[in-house]
Amino acid sequence: VPVQTVARAMVACVLQPGKGKVEVLENRAIHELGKA
């Protein structure tokens, strides 16, 4: 995964509602969220 995609995913996860107290995002989910 490109580091830019990880950075975008980190920001995107903060801007959307959570899916529980702890959420673990694996590589595929990072790619999907990093495109948002």
Full PDB file with SEQRES, HELIX, SHEET, SSBOND, CRYST1, ORIGX, SCALE, CONECT and MASTER records, all heavy atoms in Angstrom:
SEQRES   1 A   36  VAL PRO VAL GLN THR VAL ALA ARG ALA MET VAL ALA CYS          
SEQRES   2 A   36  VAL LEU GLN PRO GLY LYS GLY LYS VAL GLU VAL LEU GLU          
SEQRES   3 A   36  ASN ARG ALA ILE HIS GLU LEU GLY LYS ALA                      
HELIX    1 AA1 VAL A    3  LEU A   15  1                                  13    
HELIX    2 AA2 ASN A   27  LYS A   35  1                                   9    
CRYST1    1.000    1.000    1.000  90.00  90.00  90.00 P 1           1          
ORIGX1      1.000000  0.000000  0.000000        0.00000                         
ORIGX2      0.000000  1.000000  0.000000        0.00000                         
ORIGX3      0.000000  0.000000  1.000000        0.00000                         
SCALE1      1.000000  0.000000  0.000000        0.00000                         
SCALE2      0.000000  1.000000  0.000000        0.00000                         
SCALE3      0.000000  0.000000  1.000000        0.00000                         
ATOM      1  N   VAL A   1       0.853  -1.176   0.000  1.00  0.00           N  
ATOM      2  CA  VAL A   1       0.000   0.000   0.000  1.00  0.00           C  
ATOM      3  C   VAL A   1       0.900   1.241   0.000  1.00  0.00           C  
ATOM      4  O   VAL A   1       1.870   1.301   0.746  1.00  0.00           O  
ATOM      5  CB  VAL A   1      -0.963   0.012   1.212  1.00  0.00           C  
ATOM      6  CG1 VAL A   1      -0.217  -0.013   2.531  1.00  0.00           C  
ATOM      7  CG2 VAL A   1      -1.930   1.180   1.158  1.00  0.00           C  
ATOM      8  N   PRO A   2       0.607   2.220  -0.857  1.00  0.00           N  
ATOM      9  CA  PRO A   2       1.382   3.460  -0.834  1.00  0.00           C  
ATOM     10  C   PRO A   2       1.146   4.211   0.483  1.00  0.00           C  
ATOM     11  O   PRO A   2       0.024   4.217   1.009  1.00  0.00           O  
ATOM     12  CB  PRO A   2       0.820   4.264  -2.016  1.00  0.00           C  
ATOM     13  CG  PRO A   2       0.152   3.249  -2.887  1.00  0.00           C  
ATOM     14  CD  PRO A   2      -0.358   2.189  -1.965  1.00  0.00           C  
ATOM     15  N   VAL A   3       2.179   4.848   0.997  1.00  0.00           N  
ATOM     16  CA  VAL A   3       2.030   5.576   2.266  1.00  0.00           C  
ATOM     17  C   VAL A   3       0.981   6.683   2.150  1.00  0.00           C  
ATOM     18  O   VAL A   3       0.293   6.986   3.131  1.00  0.00           O  
ATOM     19  CB  VAL A   3       3.368   6.134   2.792  1.00  0.00           C  
ATOM     20  CG1 VAL A   3       4.304   5.021   3.191  1.00  0.00           C  
ATOM     21  CG2 VAL A   3       4.008   7.072   1.803  1.00  0.00           C  
ATOM     22  N   GLN A   4       0.830   7.272   0.971  1.00  0.00           N  
ATOM     23  CA  GLN A   4      -0.176   8.317   0.793  1.00  0.00           C  
ATOM     24  C   GLN A   4      -1.577   7.761   1.019  1.00  0.00           C  
ATOM     25  O   GLN A   4      -2.444   8.447   1.568  1.00  0.00           O  
ATOM     26  CB  GLN A   4      -0.089   8.938  -0.612  1.00  0.00           C  
ATOM     27  CG  GLN A   4       1.221   9.603  -0.913  1.00  0.00           C  
ATOM     28  CD  GLN A   4       2.260   8.643  -1.517  1.00  0.00           C  
ATOM     29  OE1 GLN A   4       2.183   7.430  -1.370  1.00  0.00           O  
ATOM     30  NE2 GLN A   4       3.241   9.209  -2.184  1.00  0.00           N  
ATOM     31  N   THR A   5      -1.796   6.526   0.613  1.00  0.00           N  
ATOM     32  CA  THR A   5      -3.097   5.885   0.804  1.00  0.00           C  
ATOM     33  C   THR A   5      -3.355   5.647   2.288  1.00  0.00           C  
ATOM     34  O   THR A   5      -4.467   5.841   2.782  1.00  0.00           O  
ATOM     35  CB  THR A   5      -3.169   4.564   0.019  1.00  0.00           C  
ATOM     36  OG1 THR A   5      -2.943   4.845  -1.369  1.00  0.00           O  
ATOM     37  CG2 THR A   5      -4.513   3.874   0.188  1.00  0.00           C  
ATOM     38  N   VAL A   6      -2.325   5.236   3.009  1.00  0.00           N  
ATOM     39  CA  VAL A   6      -2.463   5.039   4.456  1.00  0.00           C  
ATOM     40  C   VAL A   6      -2.798   6.360   5.138  1.00  0.00           C  
ATOM     41  O   VAL A   6      -3.702   6.431   5.980  1.00  0.00           O  
ATOM     42  CB  VAL A   6      -1.187   4.415   5.068  1.00  0.00           C  
ATOM     43  CG1 VAL A   6      -1.320   4.283   6.586  1.00  0.00           C  
ATOM     44  CG2 VAL A   6      -0.896   3.054   4.448  1.00  0.00           C  
ATOM     45  N   ALA A   7      -2.106   7.422   4.766  1.00  0.00           N  
ATOM     46  CA  ALA A   7      -2.357   8.739   5.360  1.00  0.00           C  
ATOM     47  C   ALA A   7      -3.787   9.190   5.091  1.00  0.00           C  
ATOM     48  O   ALA A   7      -4.475   9.678   6.001  1.00  0.00           O  
ATOM     49  CB  ALA A   7      -1.357   9.759   4.821  1.00  0.00           C  
ATOM     50  N   ARG A   8      -4.257   9.029   3.856  1.00  0.00           N  
ATOM     51  CA  ARG A   8      -5.635   9.417   3.535  1.00  0.00           C  
ATOM     52  C   ARG A   8      -6.634   8.577   4.319  1.00  0.00           C  
ATOM     53  O   ARG A   8      -7.647   9.092   4.793  1.00  0.00           O  
ATOM     54  CB  ARG A   8      -5.885   9.300   2.030  1.00  0.00           C  
ATOM     55  CG  ARG A   8      -5.263  10.434   1.235  1.00  0.00           C  
ATOM     56  CD  ARG A   8      -5.770  10.484  -0.199  1.00  0.00           C  
ATOM     57  NE  ARG A   8      -5.527   9.271  -0.948  1.00  0.00           N  
ATOM     58  CZ  ARG A   8      -4.430   9.035  -1.680  1.00  0.00           C  
ATOM     59  NH1 ARG A   8      -3.494   9.959  -1.777  1.00  0.00           N  
ATOM     60  NH2 ARG A   8      -4.298   7.898  -2.331  1.00  0.00           N  
ATOM     61  N   ALA A   9      -6.350   7.294   4.491  1.00  0.00           N  
ATOM     62  CA  ALA A   9      -7.241   6.415   5.261  1.00  0.00           C  
ATOM     63  C   ALA A   9      -7.282   6.830   6.728  1.00  0.00           C  
ATOM     64  O   ALA A   9      -8.347   6.794   7.365  1.00  0.00           O  
ATOM     65  CB  ALA A   9      -6.793   4.964   5.127  1.00  0.00           C  
ATOM     66  N   MET A  10      -6.139   7.240   7.272  1.00  0.00           N  
ATOM     67  CA  MET A  10      -6.099   7.678   8.668  1.00  0.00           C  
ATOM     68  C   MET A  10      -6.984   8.911   8.873  1.00  0.00           C  
ATOM     69  O   MET A  10      -7.734   8.989   9.851  1.00  0.00           O  
ATOM     70  CB  MET A  10      -4.663   7.958   9.109  1.00  0.00           C  
ATOM     71  CG  MET A  10      -3.810   6.704   9.193  1.00  0.00           C  
ATOM     72  SD  MET A  10      -2.091   7.030   9.647  1.00  0.00           S  
ATOM     73  CE  MET A  10      -2.249   7.000  11.443  1.00  0.00           C  
ATOM     74  N   VAL A  11      -6.922   9.841   7.949  1.00  0.00           N  
ATOM     75  CA  VAL A  11      -7.751  11.044   8.057  1.00  0.00           C  
ATOM     76  C   VAL A  11      -9.220  10.687   7.821  1.00  0.00           C  
ATOM     77  O   VAL A  11     -10.110  11.120   8.561  1.00  0.00           O  
ATOM     78  CB  VAL A  11      -7.274  12.125   7.071  1.00  0.00           C  
ATOM     79  CG1 VAL A  11      -8.257  13.292   7.020  1.00  0.00           C  
ATOM     80  CG2 VAL A  11      -5.878  12.603   7.453  1.00  0.00           C  
ATOM     81  N   ALA A  12      -9.479   9.874   6.815  1.00  0.00           N  
ATOM     82  CA  ALA A  12     -10.865   9.515   6.481  1.00  0.00           C  
ATOM     83  C   ALA A  12     -11.559   8.789   7.628  1.00  0.00           C  
ATOM     84  O   ALA A  12     -12.752   9.017   7.871  1.00  0.00           O  
ATOM     85  CB  ALA A  12     -10.894   8.656   5.214  1.00  0.00           C  
ATOM     86  N   CYS A  13     -10.844   7.945   8.354  1.00  0.00           N  
ATOM     87  CA  CYS A  13     -11.490   7.189   9.439  1.00  0.00           C  
ATOM     88  C   CYS A  13     -11.943   8.121  10.553  1.00  0.00           C  
ATOM     89  O   CYS A  13     -12.900   7.825  11.263  1.00  0.00           O  
ATOM     90  CB  CYS A  13     -10.586   6.080   9.967  1.00  0.00           C  
ATOM     91  SG  CYS A  13      -9.258   6.609  11.060  1.00  0.00           S  
ATOM     92  N   VAL A  14     -11.292   9.259  10.690  1.00  0.00           N  
ATOM     93  CA  VAL A  14     -11.680  10.230  11.712  1.00  0.00           C  
ATOM     94  C   VAL A  14     -12.931  10.996  11.271  1.00  0.00           C  
ATOM     95  O   VAL A  14     -13.750  11.394  12.101  1.00  0.00           O  
ATOM     96  CB  VAL A  14     -10.518  11.211  11.981  1.00  0.00           C  
ATOM     97  CG1 VAL A  14     -10.943  12.348  12.875  1.00  0.00           C  
ATOM     98  CG2 VAL A  14      -9.341  10.468  12.579  1.00  0.00           C  
ATOM     99  N   LEU A  15     -13.096  11.185   9.980  1.00  0.00           N  
ATOM    100  CA  LEU A  15     -14.182  12.002   9.445  1.00  0.00           C  
ATOM    101  C   LEU A  15     -15.489  11.239   9.271  1.00  0.00           C  
ATOM    102  O   LEU A  15     -16.499  11.840   8.926  1.00  0.00           O  
ATOM    103  CB  LEU A  15     -13.757  12.614   8.104  1.00  0.00           C  
ATOM    104  CG  LEU A  15     -12.529  13.522   8.168  1.00  0.00           C  
ATOM    105  CD1 LEU A  15     -12.126  13.974   6.778  1.00  0.00           C  
ATOM    106  CD2 LEU A  15     -12.782  14.713   9.090  1.00  0.00           C  
ATOM    107  N   GLN A  16     -15.469   9.942   9.495  1.00  0.00           N  
ATOM    108  CA  GLN A  16     -16.699   9.161   9.354  1.00  0.00           C  
ATOM    109  C   GLN A  16     -17.063   8.524  10.690  1.00  0.00           C  
ATOM    110  O   GLN A  16     -16.205   8.373  11.554  1.00  0.00           O  
ATOM    111  CB  GLN A  16     -16.540   8.101   8.262  1.00  0.00           C  
ATOM    112  CG  GLN A  16     -15.526   7.027   8.567  1.00  0.00           C  
ATOM    113  CD  GLN A  16     -15.367   6.072   7.396  1.00  0.00           C  
ATOM    114  OE1 GLN A  16     -15.632   6.414   6.260  1.00  0.00           O  
ATOM    115  NE2 GLN A  16     -14.942   4.867   7.686  1.00  0.00           N  
ATOM    116  N   PRO A  17     -18.317   8.153  10.855  1.00  0.00           N  
ATOM    117  CA  PRO A  17     -18.731   7.521  12.113  1.00  0.00           C  
ATOM    118  C   PRO A  17     -17.984   6.213  12.348  1.00  0.00           C  
ATOM    119  O   PRO A  17     -17.660   5.489  11.404  1.00  0.00           O  
ATOM    120  CB  PRO A  17     -20.224   7.253  11.910  1.00  0.00           C  
ATOM    121  CG  PRO A  17     -20.636   8.075  10.745  1.00  0.00           C  
ATOM    122  CD  PRO A  17     -19.408   8.306   9.913  1.00  0.00           C  
ATOM    123  N   GLY A  18     -17.710   5.930  13.589  1.00  0.00           N  
ATOM    124  CA  GLY A  18     -17.004   4.713  13.941  1.00  0.00           C  
ATOM    125  C   GLY A  18     -17.889   3.487  13.870  1.00  0.00           C  
ATOM    126  O   GLY A  18     -19.111   3.579  13.883  1.00  0.00           O  
ATOM    127  N   LYS A  19     -17.254   2.347  13.789  1.00  0.00           N  
ATOM    128  CA  LYS A  19     -17.958   1.064  13.758  1.00  0.00           C  
ATOM    129  C   LYS A  19     -17.639   0.299  15.032  1.00  0.00           C  
ATOM    130  O   LYS A  19     -17.277  -0.867  14.994  1.00  0.00           O  
ATOM    131  CB  LYS A  19     -17.551   0.270  12.526  1.00  0.00           C  
ATOM    132  CG  LYS A  19     -17.927   0.940  11.230  1.00  0.00           C  
ATOM    133  CD  LYS A  19     -17.427   0.170  10.031  1.00  0.00           C  
ATOM    134  CE  LYS A  19     -17.766   0.924   8.762  1.00  0.00           C  
ATOM    135  NZ  LYS A  19     -17.098   0.378   7.596  1.00  0.00           N  
ATOM    136  N   GLY A  20     -17.713   0.977  16.149  1.00  0.00           N  
ATOM    137  CA  GLY A  20     -17.410   0.365  17.428  1.00  0.00           C  
ATOM    138  C   GLY A  20     -16.293   1.098  18.133  1.00  0.00           C  
ATOM    139  O   GLY A  20     -15.679   2.017  17.589  1.00  0.00           O  
ATOM    140  N   LYS A  21     -16.036   0.681  19.356  1.00  0.00           N  
ATOM    141  CA  LYS A  21     -15.009   1.327  20.171  1.00  0.00           C  
ATOM    142  C   LYS A  21     -13.619   1.101  19.582  1.00  0.00           C  
ATOM    143  O   LYS A  21     -12.775   1.989  19.584  1.00  0.00           O  
ATOM    144  CB  LYS A  21     -15.078   0.783  21.595  1.00  0.00           C  
ATOM    145  CG  LYS A  21     -14.162   1.502  22.566  1.00  0.00           C  
ATOM    146  CD  LYS A  21     -14.424   1.056  23.996  1.00  0.00           C  
ATOM    147  CE  LYS A  21     -13.462   1.667  24.951  1.00  0.00           C  
ATOM    148  NZ  LYS A  21     -13.792   3.000  25.390  1.00  0.00           N  
ATOM    149  N   VAL A  22     -13.367  -0.106  19.086  1.00  0.00           N  
ATOM    150  CA  VAL A  22     -12.090  -0.435  18.451  1.00  0.00           C  
ATOM    151  C   VAL A  22     -12.379  -0.953  17.047  1.00  0.00           C  
ATOM    152  O   VAL A  22     -13.193  -1.855  16.869  1.00  0.00           O  
ATOM    153  CB  VAL A  22     -11.304  -1.500  19.242  1.00  0.00           C  
ATOM    154  CG1 VAL A  22     -10.025  -1.883  18.510  1.00  0.00           C  
ATOM    155  CG2 VAL A  22     -11.000  -1.012  20.648  1.00  0.00           C  
ATOM    156  N   GLU A  23     -11.707  -0.364  16.085  1.00  0.00           N  
ATOM    157  CA  GLU A  23     -11.851  -0.796  14.697  1.00  0.00           C  
ATOM    158  C   GLU A  23     -10.466  -1.109  14.148  1.00  0.00           C  
ATOM    159  O   GLU A  23      -9.550  -0.304  14.277  1.00  0.00           O  
ATOM    160  CB  GLU A  23     -12.509   0.309  13.872  1.00  0.00           C  
ATOM    161  CG  GLU A  23     -12.790  -0.090  12.445  1.00  0.00           C  
ATOM    162  CD  GLU A  23     -13.550   0.983  11.667  1.00  0.00           C  
ATOM    163  OE1 GLU A  23     -13.666   2.121  12.160  1.00  0.00           O  
ATOM    164  OE2 GLU A  23     -14.000   0.667  10.563  1.00  0.00           O  
ATOM    165  N   VAL A  24     -10.323  -2.285  13.568  1.00  0.00           N  
ATOM    166  CA  VAL A  24      -9.058  -2.701  12.969  1.00  0.00           C  
ATOM    167  C   VAL A  24      -9.251  -2.740  11.462  1.00  0.00           C  
ATOM    168  O   VAL A  24     -10.133  -3.444  10.964  1.00  0.00           O  
ATOM    169  CB  VAL A  24      -8.609  -4.082  13.501  1.00  0.00           C  
ATOM    170  CG1 VAL A  24      -7.316  -4.516  12.811  1.00  0.00           C  
ATOM    171  CG2 VAL A  24      -8.436  -4.044  15.012  1.00  0.00           C  
ATOM    172  N   LEU A  25      -8.440  -1.967  10.755  1.00  0.00           N  
ATOM    173  CA  LEU A  25      -8.516  -1.902   9.303  1.00  0.00           C  
ATOM    174  C   LEU A  25      -7.338  -2.642   8.689  1.00  0.00           C  
ATOM    175  O   LEU A  25      -6.191  -2.249   8.885  1.00  0.00           O  
ATOM    176  CB  LEU A  25      -8.516  -0.446   8.832  1.00  0.00           C  
ATOM    177  CG  LEU A  25      -9.631   0.447   9.391  1.00  0.00           C  
ATOM    178  CD1 LEU A  25      -9.419   1.889   8.954  1.00  0.00           C  
ATOM    179  CD2 LEU A  25     -10.986  -0.066   8.945  1.00  0.00           C  
ATOM    180  N   GLU A  26      -7.637  -3.705   7.974  1.00  0.00           N  
ATOM    181  CA  GLU A  26      -6.601  -4.470   7.280  1.00  0.00           C  
ATOM    182  C   GLU A  26      -6.289  -3.784   5.944  1.00  0.00           C  
ATOM    183  O   GLU A  26      -6.931  -2.795   5.584  1.00  0.00           O  
ATOM    184  CB  GLU A  26      -7.054  -5.916   7.074  1.00  0.00           C  
ATOM    185  CG  GLU A  26      -7.341  -6.672   8.365  1.00  0.00           C  
ATOM    186  CD  GLU A  26      -6.106  -6.996   9.211  1.00  0.00           C  
ATOM    187  OE1 GLU A  26      -4.966  -6.849   8.710  1.00  0.00           O  
ATOM    188  OE2 GLU A  26      -6.281  -7.406  10.372  1.00  0.00           O  
ATOM    189  N   ASN A  27      -5.334  -4.307   5.221  1.00  0.00           N  
ATOM    190  CA  ASN A  27      -4.802  -3.655   4.025  1.00  0.00           C  
ATOM    191  C   ASN A  27      -5.878  -3.311   2.990  1.00  0.00           C  
ATOM    192  O   ASN A  27      -5.893  -2.204   2.455  1.00  0.00           O  
ATOM    193  CB  ASN A  27      -3.706  -4.517   3.402  1.00  0.00           C  
ATOM    194  CG  ASN A  27      -2.760  -3.702   2.543  1.00  0.00           C  
ATOM    195  OD1 ASN A  27      -2.153  -2.755   3.030  1.00  0.00           O  
ATOM    196  ND2 ASN A  27      -2.651  -4.063   1.278  1.00  0.00           N  
ATOM    197  N   ARG A  28      -6.786  -4.230   2.701  1.00  0.00           N  
ATOM    198  CA  ARG A  28      -7.826  -3.967   1.703  1.00  0.00           C  
ATOM    199  C   ARG A  28      -8.704  -2.791   2.136  1.00  0.00           C  
ATOM    200  O   ARG A  28      -9.016  -1.901   1.344  1.00  0.00           O  
ATOM    201  CB  ARG A  28      -8.682  -5.198   1.455  1.00  0.00           C  
ATOM    202  CG  ARG A  28      -9.816  -4.960   0.454  1.00  0.00           C  
ATOM    203  CD  ARG A  28     -10.640  -6.198   0.224  1.00  0.00           C  
ATOM    204  NE  ARG A  28      -9.882  -7.233  -0.447  1.00  0.00           N  
ATOM    205  CZ  ARG A  28      -9.749  -7.346  -1.767  1.00  0.00           C  
ATOM    206  NH1 ARG A  28     -10.324  -6.474  -2.551  1.00  0.00           N  
ATOM    207  NH2 ARG A  28      -9.043  -8.314  -2.298  1.00  0.00           N  
ATOM    208  N   ALA A  29      -9.089  -2.777   3.411  1.00  0.00           N  
ATOM    209  CA  ALA A  29      -9.918  -1.685   3.928  1.00  0.00           C  
ATOM    210  C   ALA A  29      -9.163  -0.352   3.891  1.00  0.00           C  
ATOM    211  O   ALA A  29      -9.761   0.700   3.636  1.00  0.00           O  
ATOM    212  CB  ALA A  29     -10.384  -1.998   5.349  1.00  0.00           C  
ATOM    213  N   ILE A  30      -7.867  -0.394   4.138  1.00  0.00           N  
ATOM    214  CA  ILE A  30      -7.046   0.815   4.054  1.00  0.00           C  
ATOM    215  C   ILE A  30      -7.080   1.362   2.627  1.00  0.00           C  
ATOM    216  O   ILE A  30      -7.246   2.565   2.410  1.00  0.00           O  
ATOM    217  CB  ILE A  30      -5.598   0.552   4.521  1.00  0.00           C  
ATOM    218  CG1 ILE A  30      -5.581   0.222   6.019  1.00  0.00           C  
ATOM    219  CG2 ILE A  30      -4.695   1.739   4.213  1.00  0.00           C  
ATOM    220  CD1 ILE A  30      -4.279  -0.346   6.516  1.00  0.00           C  
ATOM    221  N   HIS A  31      -6.924   0.472   1.654  1.00  0.00           N  
ATOM    222  CA  HIS A  31      -6.995   0.900   0.240  1.00  0.00           C  
ATOM    223  C   HIS A  31      -8.337   1.550  -0.054  1.00  0.00           C  
ATOM    224  O   HIS A  31      -8.397   2.609  -0.683  1.00  0.00           O  
ATOM    225  CB  HIS A  31      -6.772  -0.302  -0.685  1.00  0.00           C  
ATOM    226  CG  HIS A  31      -5.350  -0.585  -0.992  1.00  0.00           C  
ATOM    227  ND1 HIS A  31      -4.670   0.032  -2.010  1.00  0.00           N  
ATOM    228  CD2 HIS A  31      -4.465  -1.430  -0.410  1.00  0.00           C  
ATOM    229  CE1 HIS A  31      -3.422  -0.427  -2.048  1.00  0.00           C  
ATOM    230  NE2 HIS A  31      -3.271  -1.313  -1.086  1.00  0.00           N  
ATOM    231  N   GLU A  32      -9.424   0.906   0.381  1.00  0.00           N  
ATOM    232  CA  GLU A  32     -10.762   1.419   0.083  1.00  0.00           C  
ATOM    233  C   GLU A  32     -10.981   2.775   0.755  1.00  0.00           C  
ATOM    234  O   GLU A  32     -11.470   3.709   0.119  1.00  0.00           O  
ATOM    235  CB  GLU A  32     -11.811   0.424   0.545  1.00  0.00           C  
ATOM    236  CG  GLU A  32     -11.824  -0.849  -0.295  1.00  0.00           C  
ATOM    237  CD  GLU A  32     -12.679  -1.953   0.292  1.00  0.00           C  
ATOM    238  OE1 GLU A  32     -13.407  -1.716   1.287  1.00  0.00           O  
ATOM    239  OE2 GLU A  32     -12.613  -3.068  -0.236  1.00  0.00           O  
ATOM    240  N   LEU A  33     -10.634   2.873   2.017  1.00  0.00           N  
ATOM    241  CA  LEU A  33     -10.829   4.115   2.755  1.00  0.00           C  
ATOM    242  C   LEU A  33      -9.896   5.215   2.251  1.00  0.00           C  
ATOM    243  O   LEU A  33     -10.259   6.388   2.211  1.00  0.00           O  
ATOM    244  CB  LEU A  33     -10.601   3.864   4.245  1.00  0.00           C  
ATOM    245  CG  LEU A  33     -11.085   4.919   5.224  1.00  0.00           C  
ATOM    246  CD1 LEU A  33     -12.560   5.236   5.028  1.00  0.00           C  
ATOM    247  CD2 LEU A  33     -10.828   4.446   6.641  1.00  0.00           C  
ATOM    248  N   GLY A  34      -8.703   4.837   1.830  1.00  0.00           N  
ATOM    249  CA  GLY A  34      -7.725   5.796   1.329  1.00  0.00           C  
ATOM    250  C   GLY A  34      -8.081   6.397  -0.019  1.00  0.00           C  
ATOM    251  O   GLY A  34      -7.507   7.391  -0.426  1.00  0.00           O  
ATOM    252  N   LYS A  35      -9.037   5.805  -0.701  1.00  0.00           N  
ATOM    253  CA  LYS A  35      -9.493   6.344  -1.984  1.00  0.00           C  
ATOM    254  C   LYS A  35     -10.584   7.385  -1.782  1.00  0.00           C  
ATOM    255  O   LYS A  35     -10.895   8.148  -2.673  1.00  0.00           O  
ATOM    256  CB  LYS A  35     -10.037   5.230  -2.869  1.00  0.00           C  
ATOM    257  CG  LYS A  35      -8.981   4.294  -3.380  1.00  0.00           C  
ATOM    258  CD  LYS A  35      -9.597   3.203  -4.217  1.00  0.00           C  
ATOM    259  CE  LYS A  35      -8.546   2.196  -4.658  1.00  0.00           C  
ATOM    260  NZ  LYS A  35      -9.127   1.075  -5.375  1.00  0.00           N  
ATOM    261  N   ALA A  36     -11.207   7.365  -0.584  1.00  0.00           N  
ATOM    262  CA  ALA A  36     -12.340   8.257  -0.303  1.00  0.00           C  
ATOM    263  C   ALA A  36     -11.923   9.707  -0.308  1.00  0.00           C  
ATOM    264  O   ALA A  36     -10.813  10.071  -0.074  1.00  0.00           O  
ATOM    265  CB  ALA A  36     -12.963   7.883   1.027  1.00  0.00           C  
TER     266      ALA A  36                                                      
MASTER        0    0    0    2    0    0    0    6  265    1    0    3          
END                                                                             
